[in-house]
Protein backbone atom coordinates (compact mmCIF):
# COMPACT_ATOMS: atom_id res chain seq x y z
CA MET A 1 -117.92 46.03 -5.06
CA GLU A 2 -114.16 45.58 -4.71
CA ILE A 3 -112.83 44.33 -1.39
CA LYS A 4 -110.99 47.64 -0.84
CA ASP A 5 -114.20 49.64 -1.24
CA ARG A 6 -116.08 47.24 1.06
CA ILE A 7 -113.48 47.70 3.77
CA VAL A 8 -113.46 51.51 3.45
CA ASP A 9 -117.26 51.75 3.43
CA LYS A 10 -117.70 49.50 6.46
CA ALA A 11 -114.91 51.28 8.32
CA GLY A 12 -116.57 54.62 7.59
CA GLU A 13 -119.89 53.33 8.87
CA LEU A 14 -118.30 52.12 12.13
CA PHE A 15 -116.01 55.14 12.59
CA PHE A 16 -118.91 57.56 12.16
CA GLN A 17 -121.03 55.68 14.66
CA TYR A 18 -118.49 54.85 17.38
CA GLY A 19 -115.37 56.91 16.72
CA ILE A 20 -112.10 55.59 15.31
CA LYS A 21 -110.27 54.50 18.46
CA ASN A 22 -113.27 52.46 19.63
CA ILE A 23 -113.11 50.21 16.56
CA SER A 24 -110.35 47.61 16.46
CA MET A 25 -109.12 45.91 13.32
CA ASP A 26 -110.53 42.66 14.74
CA GLU A 27 -113.99 44.24 15.03
CA LEU A 28 -113.75 45.65 11.51
CA ALA A 29 -112.74 42.25 10.11
CA SER A 30 -115.55 40.52 12.01
CA SER A 31 -118.16 42.99 10.75
CA LEU A 32 -117.00 42.34 7.20
CA GLY A 33 -116.93 38.57 7.61
CA MET A 34 -113.30 38.37 6.53
CA SER A 35 -109.96 37.73 8.19
CA LYS A 36 -107.83 40.52 9.58
CA ARG A 37 -105.04 39.24 7.36
CA THR A 38 -107.12 40.07 4.27
CA ILE A 39 -107.45 43.68 5.46
CA TYR A 40 -103.70 43.93 6.12
CA GLU A 41 -102.98 42.67 2.60
CA ILE A 42 -104.67 45.83 1.30
CA PHE A 43 -104.10 48.42 4.04
CA LYS A 44 -101.04 49.08 6.18
CA ASP A 45 -103.04 49.99 9.29
CA LYS A 46 -106.18 51.76 10.53
CA GLU A 47 -104.77 55.16 9.60
CA ASP A 48 -104.30 53.95 6.04
CA ILE A 49 -107.99 52.96 5.93
CA LEU A 50 -108.99 56.34 7.39
CA ARG A 51 -106.91 58.12 4.75
CA SER A 52 -108.70 56.22 1.98
CA LEU A 53 -112.05 57.07 3.57
CA ILE A 54 -111.35 60.83 3.71
CA LEU A 55 -110.16 60.85 0.09
CA LYS A 56 -113.17 58.85 -1.05
CA LEU A 57 -115.65 61.14 0.70
CA GLY A 58 -114.11 64.21 -0.92
CA ASP A 59 -114.04 62.64 -4.38
CA GLU A 60 -117.64 61.44 -4.08
CA ARG A 61 -118.96 64.86 -3.13
CA ASN A 62 -117.28 66.60 -6.06
CA ARG A 63 -118.37 63.80 -8.40
CA ILE A 64 -122.00 64.33 -7.35
CA PHE A 65 -121.74 68.06 -8.11
CA GLU A 66 -120.20 67.36 -11.51
CA GLU A 67 -122.73 64.68 -12.46
CA PHE A 68 -125.68 66.98 -11.71
CA LEU A 69 -124.11 69.73 -13.83
CA GLU A 70 -123.56 67.26 -16.67
CA GLU A 71 -127.27 66.39 -16.47
CA GLY A 72 -128.01 70.00 -17.36
CA LEU A 73 -129.12 71.24 -13.94
CA ASN A 74 -128.32 74.84 -13.08
CA VAL A 75 -126.16 75.63 -10.06
CA VAL A 76 -129.06 76.30 -7.68
CA GLU A 77 -130.74 73.01 -8.70
CA VAL A 78 -127.42 71.23 -8.08
CA PHE A 79 -127.16 72.77 -4.62
CA ILE A 80 -130.72 71.66 -3.79
CA ASN A 81 -130.06 68.09 -4.93
CA VAL A 82 -126.79 67.85 -3.01
CA ILE A 83 -128.45 69.24 0.13
CA GLU A 84 -131.17 66.58 -0.14
CA ILE A 85 -128.55 63.83 -0.52
CA GLN A 86 -126.44 65.11 2.37
CA ARG A 87 -129.36 65.47 4.79
CA LYS A 88 -130.18 61.76 4.36
CA MET A 89 -126.65 60.61 5.13
CA PRO A 90 -125.86 59.22 8.61
CA VAL A 91 -124.75 61.75 11.21
CA SER A 92 -121.12 61.51 12.23
CA ASN A 93 -120.48 60.98 15.94
CA ALA A 94 -118.52 63.91 17.44
CA LYS A 95 -115.90 61.38 18.55
CA PHE A 96 -114.99 60.72 14.92
CA LEU A 97 -113.47 64.20 14.51
CA GLN A 98 -112.16 64.24 18.06
CA ASP A 99 -110.16 61.08 17.36
CA ILE A 100 -108.79 62.47 14.10
CA TYR A 101 -107.55 65.70 15.70
CA LYS A 102 -106.15 63.90 18.76
CA TYR A 103 -104.47 60.88 17.21
CA TYR A 104 -104.01 61.39 13.46
CA PRO A 105 -102.06 64.59 12.59
CA LYS A 106 -101.34 63.32 9.07
CA ILE A 107 -105.07 62.91 8.46
CA VAL A 108 -105.70 66.44 9.80
CA LYS A 109 -103.20 67.71 7.24
CA LEU A 110 -104.89 65.66 4.51
CA MET A 111 -108.28 67.09 5.49
CA GLN A 112 -106.88 70.62 5.30
CA GLU A 113 -105.52 69.87 1.83
CA ASN A 114 -108.94 68.50 0.88
CA ILE A 115 -110.63 71.67 2.12
CA GLU A 116 -108.27 73.77 -0.02
CA LYS A 117 -109.04 71.62 -3.09
CA ASN A 118 -112.76 71.82 -2.37
CA ASN A 119 -112.50 75.59 -2.07
CA VAL A 120 -111.02 75.76 -5.55
CA PHE A 121 -113.83 73.55 -6.87
CA LEU A 122 -116.54 75.54 -5.06
CA ARG A 123 -115.19 78.88 -6.30
CA GLU A 124 -115.37 77.61 -9.88
CA PHE A 125 -118.83 76.20 -9.20
CA LEU A 126 -120.07 79.52 -7.82
CA LEU A 127 -118.57 81.41 -10.79
CA THR A 128 -120.53 79.05 -13.05
CA GLY A 129 -123.67 80.00 -11.12
CA ILE A 130 -122.90 83.70 -11.53
CA GLY A 131 -122.46 83.15 -15.27
CA GLN A 132 -125.82 81.37 -15.39
CA GLY A 133 -127.50 84.26 -13.58
CA TYR A 134 -128.58 82.20 -10.56
CA ILE A 135 -125.89 83.35 -8.10
CA ARG A 136 -125.42 87.01 -7.19
CA ASP A 137 -122.56 88.67 -9.06
CA ASP A 138 -121.68 90.91 -6.07
CA LEU A 139 -120.72 87.84 -4.08
CA ASN A 140 -117.27 87.41 -2.54
CA VAL A 141 -116.72 83.97 -4.05
CA GLU A 142 -113.69 83.11 -1.93
CA VAL A 143 -115.48 83.87 1.37
CA THR A 144 -118.63 82.05 0.22
CA ALA A 145 -116.70 78.90 -0.69
CA PHE A 146 -115.03 79.02 2.73
CA LEU A 147 -118.42 79.33 4.47
CA VAL A 148 -119.83 76.33 2.56
CA GLU A 149 -116.92 74.22 3.82
CA GLN A 150 -117.22 75.50 7.40
CA SER A 151 -120.95 74.77 7.51
CA THR A 152 -120.02 71.08 7.72
CA TYR A 153 -118.34 71.72 11.05
CA THR A 154 -121.36 73.60 12.42
CA TYR A 155 -123.37 70.47 11.67
CA ILE A 156 -120.84 68.22 13.38
CA ARG A 157 -120.46 70.49 16.43
CA ALA A 158 -124.21 70.20 17.00
CA SER A 159 -123.71 66.49 17.60
CA TYR A 160 -122.15 67.46 20.94
CA LEU A 161 -125.55 68.59 22.20
CA GLU A 162 -127.05 66.07 24.59
CA LYS A 163 -130.72 66.72 23.77
CA PRO A 164 -130.96 69.05 20.77
CA PRO A 165 -134.45 70.53 20.18
CA PHE A 166 -134.23 69.57 16.49
CA SER A 167 -133.08 66.73 14.29
CA PHE A 168 -129.64 66.99 12.72
CA SER A 169 -131.31 66.51 9.34
CA ASP A 170 -133.49 69.57 9.96
CA LEU A 171 -130.48 71.55 11.18
CA PHE A 172 -128.46 70.78 8.07
CA TYR A 173 -131.36 71.42 5.68
CA THR A 174 -132.40 74.72 7.30
CA MET A 175 -128.83 75.98 7.48
CA MET A 176 -127.89 75.11 3.90
CA ILE A 177 -131.13 75.92 2.05
CA ASN A 178 -131.20 79.40 3.61
CA PHE A 179 -127.52 79.90 2.90
CA VAL A 180 -128.00 79.10 -0.79
CA ARG A 181 -131.10 81.30 -0.90
CA GLY A 182 -129.04 84.16 0.51
CA ILE A 183 -126.43 83.95 -2.26
CA SER A 184 -128.97 83.52 -5.06
CA THR A 185 -130.41 86.05 -7.49
CA GLU A 186 -134.16 86.55 -7.81
CA LYS A 187 -134.14 83.85 -10.49
CA GLY A 188 -132.41 81.42 -8.12
CA ILE A 189 -134.65 82.35 -5.19
CA LYS A 190 -137.74 81.41 -7.21
CA ILE A 191 -136.34 77.89 -7.69
CA ILE A 192 -135.51 77.50 -4.00
CA ASP A 193 -138.89 78.84 -2.86
CA ALA A 194 -140.67 76.46 -5.23
CA HIS A 195 -138.65 73.59 -3.75
CA ILE A 196 -139.47 74.66 -0.18
CA MET A 197 -143.16 74.96 -1.05
CA SER A 198 -143.23 71.51 -2.68
CA LYS A 199 -141.71 69.98 0.47
CA LYS A 200 -144.22 71.85 2.63
CA ASN A 201 -147.10 70.48 0.56
CA LEU A 202 -145.78 66.94 1.02
CA ASN A 203 -145.79 67.27 4.82
């Protein structure tokens, strides 16, 4: 792994866990076992690292969608696989987003631009699903793409709860699998129900 990727990945891990303001460049360098000077040779400052992290996360998500499609999976199968990947990822501390909105207006703007790009991608993805016969053709594609993006924030807002009566993994899975089921045709619903039943049998 390139040094740049190592820095971004470690920064993401620490930012998600503790928030951005709580992590100094000294702490980031120490956790990586490298000098702070090495980090500054690659990144201008912490905001520059955060910008690279946000871009990387967006690119990785779309790449995962595209790779599953290239493997020949239909749109509903892609959704299921992405949901399973996402539910196993570490939960972001609420302070991560709080810090972004409070201290990094340029990153907020970048995130908004990312959401707009993702909406374009998701609309095309959903239209592919309609063409395959797995997504309902009466769907408002623009609204549905918007709701998929906003579901991420529902997940993050739940992290504010002091003692939630569920795991965040269960919250995300239940929310997303039922959402996809709701936009699917009978053919798509059969795939989702088979997936749900297989998970039930494993438990």
